[in-house]
ModelCIF file with pLDDT and N, C-alpha, C, O atoms, coordinates in Angstrom:
data_MODEL
#
_entry.id   MODEL 
#
_entity.id                         1 
_entity.type                       polymer 
_entity.pdbx_number_of_molecules   1 
#
_entity_poly.entity_id                      1 
_entity_poly.type                           'polypeptide(L)' 
_entity_poly.nstd_linkage                   no 
_entity_poly.nstd_monomer                   no 
_entity_poly.pdbx_seq_one_letter_code       LVGLVDDPLFEEYLGSLPRGIADAVSSAVADLRPAAIGWGSVDV 
_entity_poly.pdbx_seq_one_letter_code_can   LVGLVDDPLFEEYLGSLPRGIADAVSSAVADLRPAAIGWGSVDV 
_entity_poly.pdbx_strand_id                 A 
#
loop_
_entity_poly_seq.entity_id 
_entity_poly_seq.num 
_entity_poly_seq.mon_id 
_entity_poly_seq.hetero 
1 1  LEU n 
1 2  VAL n 
1 3  GLY n 
1 4  LEU n 
1 5  VAL n 
1 6  ASP n 
1 7  ASP n 
1 8  PRO n 
1 9  LEU n 
1 10 PHE n 
1 11 GLU n 
1 12 GLU n 
1 13 TYR n 
1 14 LEU n 
1 15 GLY n 
1 16 SER n 
1 17 LEU n 
1 18 PRO n 
1 19 ARG n 
1 20 GLY n 
1 21 ILE n 
1 22 ALA n 
1 23 ASP n 
1 24 ALA n 
1 25 VAL n 
1 26 SER n 
1 27 SER n 
1 28 ALA n 
1 29 VAL n 
1 30 ALA n 
1 31 ASP n 
1 32 LEU n 
1 33 ARG n 
1 34 PRO n 
1 35 ALA n 
1 36 ALA n 
1 37 ILE n 
1 38 GLY n 
1 39 TRP n 
1 40 GLY n 
1 41 SER n 
1 42 VAL n 
1 43 ASP n 
1 44 VAL n 
#
_struct_asym.id          A 
_struct_asym.entity_id   1 
#
loop_
_ma_qa_metric.id 
_ma_qa_metric.mode 
_ma_qa_metric.name 
_ma_qa_metric.software_group_id 
_ma_qa_metric.type 
1 global pLDDT . pLDDT 
2 local  pLDDT . pLDDT 
#
_ma_qa_metric_global.metric_id      1 
_ma_qa_metric_global.metric_value   96.55 
_ma_qa_metric_global.model_id       1 
_ma_qa_metric_global.ordinal_id     1 
#
loop_
_ma_qa_metric_local.label_asym_id 
_ma_qa_metric_local.label_comp_id 
_ma_qa_metric_local.label_seq_id 
_ma_qa_metric_local.metric_id 
_ma_qa_metric_local.metric_value 
_ma_qa_metric_local.model_id 
_ma_qa_metric_local.ordinal_id 
A LEU 1  2 94.00 1 1  
A VAL 2  2 95.00 1 2  
A GLY 3  2 90.00 1 3  
A LEU 4  2 90.00 1 4  
A VAL 5  2 88.00 1 5  
A ASP 6  2 89.00 1 6  
A ASP 7  2 92.00 1 7  
A PRO 8  2 95.00 1 8  
A LEU 9  2 96.00 1 9  
A PHE 10 2 96.00 1 10 
A GLU 11 2 96.00 1 11 
A GLU 12 2 97.00 1 12 
A TYR 13 2 97.00 1 13 
A LEU 14 2 97.00 1 14 
A GLY 15 2 97.00 1 15 
A SER 16 2 98.00 1 16 
A LEU 17 2 98.00 1 17 
A PRO 18 2 98.00 1 18 
A ARG 19 2 98.00 1 19 
A GLY 20 2 98.00 1 20 
A ILE 21 2 98.00 1 21 
A ALA 22 2 98.00 1 22 
A ASP 23 2 98.00 1 23 
A ALA 24 2 98.00 1 24 
A VAL 25 2 98.00 1 25 
A SER 26 2 98.00 1 26 
A SER 27 2 98.00 1 27 
A ALA 28 2 98.00 1 28 
A VAL 29 2 98.00 1 29 
A ALA 30 2 98.00 1 30 
A ASP 31 2 98.00 1 31 
A LEU 32 2 98.00 1 32 
A ARG 33 2 97.00 1 33 
A PRO 34 2 97.00 1 34 
A ALA 35 2 98.00 1 35 
A ALA 36 2 97.00 1 36 
A ILE 37 2 98.00 1 37 
A GLY 38 2 98.00 1 38 
A TRP 39 2 98.00 1 39 
A GLY 40 2 98.00 1 40 
A SER 41 2 98.00 1 41 
A VAL 42 2 98.00 1 42 
A ASP 43 2 98.00 1 43 
A VAL 44 2 98.00 1 44 
#
loop_
_atom_site.group_PDB 
_atom_site.id 
_atom_site.type_symbol 
_atom_site.label_atom_id 
_atom_site.label_alt_id 
_atom_site.label_comp_id 
_atom_site.label_asym_id 
_atom_site.label_entity_id 
_atom_site.label_seq_id 
_atom_site.pdbx_PDB_ins_code 
_atom_site.Cartn_x 
_atom_site.Cartn_y 
_atom_site.Cartn_z 
_atom_site.occupancy 
_atom_site.B_iso_or_equiv 
_atom_site.pdbx_formal_charge 
_atom_site.auth_seq_id 
_atom_site.auth_comp_id 
_atom_site.auth_asym_id 
_atom_site.auth_atom_id 
_atom_site.pdbx_PDB_model_num 
ATOM 1   N N  . LEU A 1 1  ? 8.720   9.653   5.571   1.00 94.00 ? 1  LEU A N  1 
ATOM 2   C CA . LEU A 1 1  ? 9.711   10.487  4.903   1.00 94.00 ? 1  LEU A CA 1 
ATOM 3   C C  . LEU A 1 1  ? 11.115  10.062  5.293   1.00 94.00 ? 1  LEU A C  1 
ATOM 4   O O  . LEU A 1 1  ? 11.462  10.055  6.473   1.00 94.00 ? 1  LEU A O  1 
ATOM 5   N N  . VAL A 1 2  ? 11.916  9.710   4.310   1.00 95.00 ? 2  VAL A N  1 
ATOM 6   C CA . VAL A 1 2  ? 13.297  9.323   4.543   1.00 95.00 ? 2  VAL A CA 1 
ATOM 7   C C  . VAL A 1 2  ? 14.096  10.516  5.048   1.00 95.00 ? 2  VAL A C  1 
ATOM 8   O O  . VAL A 1 2  ? 13.996  11.612  4.496   1.00 95.00 ? 2  VAL A O  1 
ATOM 9   N N  . GLY A 1 3  ? 14.886  10.307  6.091   1.00 90.00 ? 3  GLY A N  1 
ATOM 10  C CA . GLY A 1 3  ? 15.749  11.354  6.615   1.00 90.00 ? 3  GLY A CA 1 
ATOM 11  C C  . GLY A 1 3  ? 15.072  12.340  7.536   1.00 90.00 ? 3  GLY A C  1 
ATOM 12  O O  . GLY A 1 3  ? 15.689  13.325  7.942   1.00 90.00 ? 3  GLY A O  1 
ATOM 13  N N  . LEU A 1 4  ? 13.804  12.099  7.881   1.00 90.00 ? 4  LEU A N  1 
ATOM 14  C CA . LEU A 1 4  ? 13.071  13.060  8.701   1.00 90.00 ? 4  LEU A CA 1 
ATOM 15  C C  . LEU A 1 4  ? 13.508  13.021  10.152  1.00 90.00 ? 4  LEU A C  1 
ATOM 16  O O  . LEU A 1 4  ? 13.729  14.065  10.765  1.00 90.00 ? 4  LEU A O  1 
ATOM 17  N N  . VAL A 1 5  ? 13.637  11.808  10.713  1.00 88.00 ? 5  VAL A N  1 
ATOM 18  C CA . VAL A 1 5  ? 13.959  11.634  12.125  1.00 88.00 ? 5  VAL A CA 1 
ATOM 19  C C  . VAL A 1 5  ? 15.108  10.640  12.262  1.00 88.00 ? 5  VAL A C  1 
ATOM 20  O O  . VAL A 1 5  ? 15.109  9.590   11.620  1.00 88.00 ? 5  VAL A O  1 
ATOM 21  N N  . ASP A 1 6  ? 16.070  10.974  13.090  1.00 89.00 ? 6  ASP A N  1 
ATOM 22  C CA . ASP A 1 6  ? 17.200  10.070  13.361  1.00 89.00 ? 6  ASP A CA 1 
ATOM 23  C C  . ASP A 1 6  ? 16.818  9.187   14.543  1.00 89.00 ? 6  ASP A C  1 
ATOM 24  O O  . ASP A 1 6  ? 17.078  9.526   15.698  1.00 89.00 ? 6  ASP A O  1 
ATOM 25  N N  . ASP A 1 7  ? 16.198  8.053   14.237  1.00 92.00 ? 7  ASP A N  1 
ATOM 26  C CA . ASP A 1 7  ? 15.686  7.174   15.283  1.00 92.00 ? 7  ASP A CA 1 
ATOM 27  C C  . ASP A 1 7  ? 15.637  5.760   14.730  1.00 92.00 ? 7  ASP A C  1 
ATOM 28  O O  . ASP A 1 7  ? 15.107  5.554   13.638  1.00 92.00 ? 7  ASP A O  1 
ATOM 29  N N  . PRO A 1 8  ? 16.181  4.760   15.461  1.00 95.00 ? 8  PRO A N  1 
ATOM 30  C CA . PRO A 1 8  ? 16.215  3.385   14.920  1.00 95.00 ? 8  PRO A CA 1 
ATOM 31  C C  . PRO A 1 8  ? 14.836  2.780   14.714  1.00 95.00 ? 8  PRO A C  1 
ATOM 32  O O  . PRO A 1 8  ? 14.632  2.057   13.739  1.00 95.00 ? 8  PRO A O  1 
ATOM 33  N N  . LEU A 1 9  ? 13.872  3.055   15.609  1.00 96.00 ? 9  LEU A N  1 
ATOM 34  C CA . LEU A 1 9  ? 12.527  2.545   15.412  1.00 96.00 ? 9  LEU A CA 1 
ATOM 35  C C  . LEU A 1 9  ? 11.874  3.143   14.167  1.00 96.00 ? 9  LEU A C  1 
ATOM 36  O O  . LEU A 1 9  ? 11.150  2.464   13.439  1.00 96.00 ? 9  LEU A O  1 
ATOM 37  N N  . PHE A 1 10 ? 12.141  4.407   13.944  1.00 96.00 ? 10 PHE A N  1 
ATOM 38  C CA . PHE A 1 10 ? 11.599  5.074   12.753  1.00 96.00 ? 10 PHE A CA 1 
ATOM 39  C C  . PHE A 1 10 ? 12.196  4.472   11.486  1.00 96.00 ? 10 PHE A C  1 
ATOM 40  O O  . PHE A 1 10 ? 11.481  4.234   10.512  1.00 96.00 ? 10 PHE A O  1 
ATOM 41  N N  . GLU A 1 11 ? 13.505  4.226   11.495  1.00 96.00 ? 11 GLU A N  1 
ATOM 42  C CA . GLU A 1 11 ? 14.162  3.628   10.336  1.00 96.00 ? 11 GLU A CA 1 
ATOM 43  C C  . GLU A 1 11 ? 13.628  2.226   10.068  1.00 96.00 ? 11 GLU A C  1 
ATOM 44  O O  . GLU A 1 11 ? 13.446  1.830   8.916   1.00 96.00 ? 11 GLU A O  1 
ATOM 45  N N  . GLU A 1 12 ? 13.381  1.486   11.129  1.00 97.00 ? 12 GLU A N  1 
ATOM 46  C CA . GLU A 1 12 ? 12.805  0.145   10.976  1.00 97.00 ? 12 GLU A CA 1 
ATOM 47  C C  . GLU A 1 12 ? 11.421  0.218   10.342  1.00 97.00 ? 12 GLU A C  1 
ATOM 48  O O  . GLU A 1 12 ? 11.075  -0.582  9.472   1.00 97.00 ? 12 GLU A O  1 
ATOM 49  N N  . TYR A 1 13 ? 10.632  1.199   10.799  1.00 97.00 ? 13 TYR A N  1 
ATOM 50  C CA . TYR A 1 13 ? 9.281   1.379   10.250  1.00 97.00 ? 13 TYR A CA 1 
ATOM 51  C C  . TYR A 1 13 ? 9.352   1.729   8.765   1.00 97.00 ? 13 TYR A C  1 
ATOM 52  O O  . TYR A 1 13 ? 8.641   1.137   7.953   1.00 97.00 ? 13 TYR A O  1 
ATOM 53  N N  . LEU A 1 14 ? 10.203  2.686   8.409   1.00 97.00 ? 14 LEU A N  1 
ATOM 54  C CA . LEU A 1 14 ? 10.337  3.050   6.992   1.00 97.00 ? 14 LEU A CA 1 
ATOM 55  C C  . LEU A 1 14 ? 10.745  1.841   6.155   1.00 97.00 ? 14 LEU A C  1 
ATOM 56  O O  . LEU A 1 14 ? 10.237  1.637   5.053   1.00 97.00 ? 14 LEU A O  1 
ATOM 57  N N  . GLY A 1 15 ? 11.664  1.044   6.688   1.00 97.00 ? 15 GLY A N  1 
ATOM 58  C CA . GLY A 1 15 ? 12.140  -0.110  5.944   1.00 97.00 ? 15 GLY A CA 1 
ATOM 59  C C  . GLY A 1 15 ? 11.064  -1.143  5.682   1.00 97.00 ? 15 GLY A C  1 
ATOM 60  O O  . GLY A 1 15 ? 11.167  -1.921  4.734   1.00 97.00 ? 15 GLY A O  1 
ATOM 61  N N  . SER A 1 16 ? 10.016  -1.160  6.524   1.00 98.00 ? 16 SER A N  1 
ATOM 62  C CA . SER A 1 16 ? 8.944   -2.155  6.352   1.00 98.00 ? 16 SER A CA 1 
ATOM 63  C C  . SER A 1 16 ? 7.905   -1.739  5.314   1.00 98.00 ? 16 SER A C  1 
ATOM 64  O O  . SER A 1 16 ? 7.168   -2.587  4.812   1.00 98.00 ? 16 SER A O  1 
ATOM 65  N N  . LEU A 1 17 ? 7.834   -0.457  4.986   1.00 98.00 ? 17 LEU A N  1 
ATOM 66  C CA . LEU A 1 17 ? 6.751   0.013   4.116   1.00 98.00 ? 17 LEU A CA 1 
ATOM 67  C C  . LEU A 1 17 ? 6.829   -0.506  2.682   1.00 98.00 ? 17 LEU A C  1 
ATOM 68  O O  . LEU A 1 17 ? 5.806   -0.951  2.161   1.00 98.00 ? 17 LEU A O  1 
ATOM 69  N N  . PRO A 1 18 ? 7.998   -0.476  2.006   1.00 98.00 ? 18 PRO A N  1 
ATOM 70  C CA . PRO A 1 18 ? 8.023   -1.009  0.647   1.00 98.00 ? 18 PRO A CA 1 
ATOM 71  C C  . PRO A 1 18 ? 7.556   -2.456  0.556   1.00 98.00 ? 18 PRO A C  1 
ATOM 72  O O  . PRO A 1 18 ? 6.826   -2.829  -0.362  1.00 98.00 ? 18 PRO A O  1 
ATOM 73  N N  . ARG A 1 19 ? 7.991   -3.272  1.529   1.00 98.00 ? 19 ARG A N  1 
ATOM 74  C CA . ARG A 1 19 ? 7.565   -4.680  1.540   1.00 98.00 ? 19 ARG A CA 1 
ATOM 75  C C  . ARG A 1 19 ? 6.061   -4.794  1.752   1.00 98.00 ? 19 ARG A C  1 
ATOM 76  O O  . ARG A 1 19 ? 5.403   -5.619  1.118   1.00 98.00 ? 19 ARG A O  1 
ATOM 77  N N  . GLY A 1 20 ? 5.516   -3.967  2.643   1.00 98.00 ? 20 GLY A N  1 
ATOM 78  C CA . GLY A 1 20 ? 4.076   -4.003  2.880   1.00 98.00 ? 20 GLY A CA 1 
ATOM 79  C C  . GLY A 1 20 ? 3.285   -3.611  1.641   1.00 98.00 ? 20 GLY A C  1 
ATOM 80  O O  . GLY A 1 20 ? 2.269   -4.234  1.334   1.00 98.00 ? 20 GLY A O  1 
ATOM 81  N N  . ILE A 1 21 ? 3.741   -2.579  0.922   1.00 98.00 ? 21 ILE A N  1 
ATOM 82  C CA . ILE A 1 21 ? 3.062   -2.148  -0.292  1.00 98.00 ? 21 ILE A CA 1 
ATOM 83  C C  . ILE A 1 21 ? 3.119   -3.254  -1.351  1.00 98.00 ? 21 ILE A C  1 
ATOM 84  O O  . ILE A 1 21 ? 2.114   -3.582  -1.982  1.00 98.00 ? 21 ILE A O  1 
ATOM 85  N N  . ALA A 1 22 ? 4.304   -3.813  -1.529  1.00 98.00 ? 22 ALA A N  1 
ATOM 86  C CA . ALA A 1 22 ? 4.475   -4.872  -2.529  1.00 98.00 ? 22 ALA A CA 1 
ATOM 87  C C  . ALA A 1 22 ? 3.638   -6.098  -2.203  1.00 98.00 ? 22 ALA A C  1 
ATOM 88  O O  . ALA A 1 22 ? 3.059   -6.711  -3.100  1.00 98.00 ? 22 ALA A O  1 
ATOM 89  N N  . ASP A 1 23 ? 3.568   -6.462  -0.918  1.00 98.00 ? 23 ASP A N  1 
ATOM 90  C CA . ASP A 1 23 ? 2.785   -7.637  -0.533  1.00 98.00 ? 23 ASP A CA 1 
ATOM 91  C C  . ASP A 1 23 ? 1.299   -7.427  -0.804  1.00 98.00 ? 23 ASP A C  1 
ATOM 92  O O  . ASP A 1 23 ? 0.610   -8.357  -1.223  1.00 98.00 ? 23 ASP A O  1 
ATOM 93  N N  . ALA A 1 24 ? 0.797   -6.208  -0.568  1.00 98.00 ? 24 ALA A N  1 
ATOM 94  C CA . ALA A 1 24 ? -0.624  -5.936  -0.846  1.00 98.00 ? 24 ALA A CA 1 
ATOM 95  C C  . ALA A 1 24 ? -0.920  -6.088  -2.327  1.00 98.00 ? 24 ALA A C  1 
ATOM 96  O O  . ALA A 1 24 ? -1.936  -6.675  -2.700  1.00 98.00 ? 24 ALA A O  1 
ATOM 97  N N  . VAL A 1 25 ? -0.041  -5.562  -3.179  1.00 98.00 ? 25 VAL A N  1 
ATOM 98  C CA . VAL A 1 25 ? -0.244  -5.661  -4.623  1.00 98.00 ? 25 VAL A CA 1 
ATOM 99  C C  . VAL A 1 25 ? -0.089  -7.110  -5.088  1.00 98.00 ? 25 VAL A C  1 
ATOM 100 O O  . VAL A 1 25 ? -0.866  -7.575  -5.922  1.00 98.00 ? 25 VAL A O  1 
ATOM 101 N N  . SER A 1 26 ? 0.901   -7.823  -4.560  1.00 98.00 ? 26 SER A N  1 
ATOM 102 C CA . SER A 1 26 ? 1.086   -9.232  -4.924  1.00 98.00 ? 26 SER A CA 1 
ATOM 103 C C  . SER A 1 26 ? -0.149  -10.057 -4.546  1.00 98.00 ? 26 SER A C  1 
ATOM 104 O O  . SER A 1 26 ? -0.564  -10.942 -5.294  1.00 98.00 ? 26 SER A O  1 
ATOM 105 N N  . SER A 1 27 ? -0.729  -9.761  -3.380  1.00 98.00 ? 27 SER A N  1 
ATOM 106 C CA . SER A 1 27 ? -1.946  -10.462 -2.967  1.00 98.00 ? 27 SER A CA 1 
ATOM 107 C C  . SER A 1 27 ? -3.089  -10.179 -3.923  1.00 98.00 ? 27 SER A C  1 
ATOM 108 O O  . SER A 1 27 ? -3.892  -11.063 -4.223  1.00 98.00 ? 27 SER A O  1 
ATOM 109 N N  . ALA A 1 28 ? -3.161  -8.933  -4.404  1.00 98.00 ? 28 ALA A N  1 
ATOM 110 C CA . ALA A 1 28 ? -4.215  -8.579  -5.347  1.00 98.00 ? 28 ALA A CA 1 
ATOM 111 C C  . ALA A 1 28 ? -4.034  -9.297  -6.677  1.00 98.00 ? 28 ALA A C  1 
ATOM 112 O O  . ALA A 1 28 ? -5.015  -9.699  -7.303  1.00 98.00 ? 28 ALA A O  1 
ATOM 113 N N  . VAL A 1 29 ? -2.796  -9.460  -7.111  1.00 98.00 ? 29 VAL A N  1 
ATOM 114 C CA . VAL A 1 29 ? -2.548  -10.202 -8.355  1.00 98.00 ? 29 VAL A CA 1 
ATOM 115 C C  . VAL A 1 29 ? -2.952  -11.665 -8.185  1.00 98.00 ? 29 VAL A C  1 
ATOM 116 O O  . VAL A 1 29 ? -3.555  -12.256 -9.081  1.00 98.00 ? 29 VAL A O  1 
ATOM 117 N N  . ALA A 1 30 ? -2.620  -12.243 -7.040  1.00 98.00 ? 30 ALA A N  1 
ATOM 118 C CA . ALA A 1 30 ? -2.999  -13.639 -6.789  1.00 98.00 ? 30 ALA A CA 1 
ATOM 119 C C  . ALA A 1 30 ? -4.515  -13.805 -6.721  1.00 98.00 ? 30 ALA A C  1 
ATOM 120 O O  . ALA A 1 30 ? -5.032  -14.902 -6.930  1.00 98.00 ? 30 ALA A O  1 
ATOM 121 N N  . ASP A 1 31 ? -5.222  -12.724 -6.430  1.00 98.00 ? 31 ASP A N  1 
ATOM 122 C CA . ASP A 1 31 ? -6.683  -12.767 -6.288  1.00 98.00 ? 31 ASP A CA 1 
ATOM 123 C C  . ASP A 1 31 ? -7.417  -12.431 -7.590  1.00 98.00 ? 31 ASP A C  1 
ATOM 124 O O  . ASP A 1 31 ? -8.647  -12.395 -7.602  1.00 98.00 ? 31 ASP A O  1 
ATOM 125 N N  . LEU A 1 32 ? -6.702  -12.189 -8.669  1.00 98.00 ? 32 LEU A N  1 
ATOM 126 C CA . LEU A 1 32 ? -7.362  -11.785 -9.926  1.00 98.00 ? 32 LEU A CA 1 
ATOM 127 C C  . LEU A 1 32 ? -8.406  -12.809 -10.360 1.00 98.00 ? 32 LEU A C  1 
ATOM 128 O O  . LEU A 1 32 ? -8.122  -13.995 -10.531 1.00 98.00 ? 32 LEU A O  1 
ATOM 129 N N  . ARG A 1 33 ? -9.630  -12.299 -10.533 1.00 97.00 ? 33 ARG A N  1 
ATOM 130 C CA . ARG A 1 33 ? -10.747 -13.128 -10.959 1.00 97.00 ? 33 ARG A CA 1 
ATOM 131 C C  . ARG A 1 33 ? -11.653 -12.322 -11.871 1.00 97.00 ? 33 ARG A C  1 
ATOM 132 O O  . ARG A 1 33 ? -11.651 -11.093 -11.799 1.00 97.00 ? 33 ARG A O  1 
ATOM 133 N N  . PRO A 1 34 ? -12.437 -12.983 -12.735 1.00 97.00 ? 34 PRO A N  1 
ATOM 134 C CA . PRO A 1 34 ? -13.375 -12.228 -13.583 1.00 97.00 ? 34 PRO A CA 1 
ATOM 135 C C  . PRO A 1 34 ? -14.289 -11.350 -12.738 1.00 97.00 ? 34 PRO A C  1 
ATOM 136 O O  . PRO A 1 34 ? -14.791 -11.770 -11.695 1.00 97.00 ? 34 PRO A O  1 
ATOM 137 N N  . ALA A 1 35 ? -14.493 -10.123 -13.211 1.00 98.00 ? 35 ALA A N  1 
ATOM 138 C CA . ALA A 1 35 ? -15.279 -9.157  -12.440 1.00 98.00 ? 35 ALA A CA 1 
ATOM 139 C C  . ALA A 1 35 ? -15.898 -8.142  -13.383 1.00 98.00 ? 35 ALA A C  1 
ATOM 140 O O  . ALA A 1 35 ? -15.608 -8.119  -14.579 1.00 98.00 ? 35 ALA A O  1 
ATOM 141 N N  . ALA A 1 36 ? -16.757 -7.304  -12.820 1.00 97.00 ? 36 ALA A N  1 
ATOM 142 C CA . ALA A 1 36 ? -17.393 -6.210  -13.556 1.00 97.00 ? 36 ALA A CA 1 
ATOM 143 C C  . ALA A 1 36 ? -17.193 -4.920  -12.788 1.00 97.00 ? 36 ALA A C  1 
ATOM 144 O O  . ALA A 1 36 ? -17.071 -4.932  -11.563 1.00 97.00 ? 36 ALA A O  1 
ATOM 145 N N  . ILE A 1 37 ? -17.158 -3.806  -13.505 1.00 98.00 ? 37 ILE A N  1 
ATOM 146 C CA . ILE A 1 37 ? -16.818 -2.531  -12.898 1.00 98.00 ? 37 ILE A CA 1 
ATOM 147 C C  . ILE A 1 37 ? -17.789 -1.441  -13.351 1.00 98.00 ? 37 ILE A C  1 
ATOM 148 O O  . ILE A 1 37 ? -18.349 -1.507  -14.445 1.00 98.00 ? 37 ILE A O  1 
ATOM 149 N N  . GLY A 1 38 ? -17.973 -0.458  -12.511 1.00 98.00 ? 38 GLY A N  1 
ATOM 150 C CA . GLY A 1 38 ? -18.770 0.714   -12.843 1.00 98.00 ? 38 GLY A CA 1 
ATOM 151 C C  . GLY A 1 38 ? -18.476 1.808   -11.858 1.00 98.00 ? 38 GLY A C  1 
ATOM 152 O O  . GLY A 1 38 ? -17.783 1.579   -10.867 1.00 98.00 ? 38 GLY A O  1 
ATOM 153 N N  . TRP A 1 39 ? -18.990 3.003   -12.109 1.00 98.00 ? 39 TRP A N  1 
ATOM 154 C CA . TRP A 1 39 ? -18.707 4.110   -11.195 1.00 98.00 ? 39 TRP A CA 1 
ATOM 155 C C  . TRP A 1 39 ? -19.789 5.177   -11.266 1.00 98.00 ? 39 TRP A C  1 
ATOM 156 O O  . TRP A 1 39 ? -20.570 5.242   -12.215 1.00 98.00 ? 39 TRP A O  1 
ATOM 157 N N  . GLY A 1 40 ? -19.808 5.990   -10.256 1.00 98.00 ? 40 GLY A N  1 
ATOM 158 C CA . GLY A 1 40 ? -20.750 7.093   -10.147 1.00 98.00 ? 40 GLY A CA 1 
ATOM 159 C C  . GLY A 1 40 ? -20.284 8.030   -9.053  1.00 98.00 ? 40 GLY A C  1 
ATOM 160 O O  . GLY A 1 40 ? -19.247 7.792   -8.433  1.00 98.00 ? 40 GLY A O  1 
ATOM 161 N N  . SER A 1 41 ? -21.031 9.090   -8.808  1.00 98.00 ? 41 SER A N  1 
ATOM 162 C CA . SER A 1 41 ? -20.606 10.045  -7.796  1.00 98.00 ? 41 SER A CA 1 
ATOM 163 C C  . SER A 1 41 ? -21.791 10.790  -7.214  1.00 98.00 ? 41 SER A C  1 
ATOM 164 O O  . SER A 1 41 ? -22.897 10.766  -7.755  1.00 98.00 ? 41 SER A O  1 
ATOM 165 N N  . VAL A 1 42 ? -21.533 11.451  -6.101  1.00 98.00 ? 42 VAL A N  1 
ATOM 166 C CA . VAL A 1 42 ? -22.518 12.300  -5.447  1.00 98.00 ? 42 VAL A CA 1 
ATOM 167 C C  . VAL A 1 42 ? -21.750 13.439  -4.777  1.00 98.00 ? 42 VAL A C  1 
ATOM 168 O O  . VAL A 1 42 ? -20.643 13.238  -4.277  1.00 98.00 ? 42 VAL A O  1 
ATOM 169 N N  . ASP A 1 43 ? -22.327 14.602  -4.768  1.00 98.00 ? 43 ASP A N  1 
ATOM 170 C CA . ASP A 1 43 ? -21.700 15.732  -4.073  1.00 98.00 ? 43 ASP A CA 1 
ATOM 171 C C  . ASP A 1 43 ? -22.059 15.676  -2.590  1.00 98.00 ? 43 ASP A C  1 
ATOM 172 O O  . ASP A 1 43 ? -23.228 15.558  -2.222  1.00 98.00 ? 43 ASP A O  1 
ATOM 173 N N  . VAL A 1 44 ? -21.025 15.762  -1.745  1.00 98.00 ? 44 VAL A N  1 
ATOM 174 C CA . VAL A 1 44 ? -21.223 15.817  -0.291  1.00 98.00 ? 44 VAL A CA 1 
ATOM 175 C C  . VAL A 1 44 ? -20.444 17.035  0.214   1.00 98.00 ? 44 VAL A C  1 
ATOM 176 O O  . VAL A 1 44 ? -20.443 17.313  1.413   1.00 98.00 ? 44 VAL A O  1 
#
């Protein structure tokens, strides 16, 4: 959460998150390959 804590380590951590999210998605795009999909569920 932006503005939650006034702390330099916290600000550094927040600043790293957008890059981390973008890198994960970019890696997934680079990994695009033919695939098959399906779904189901169970109550627990």
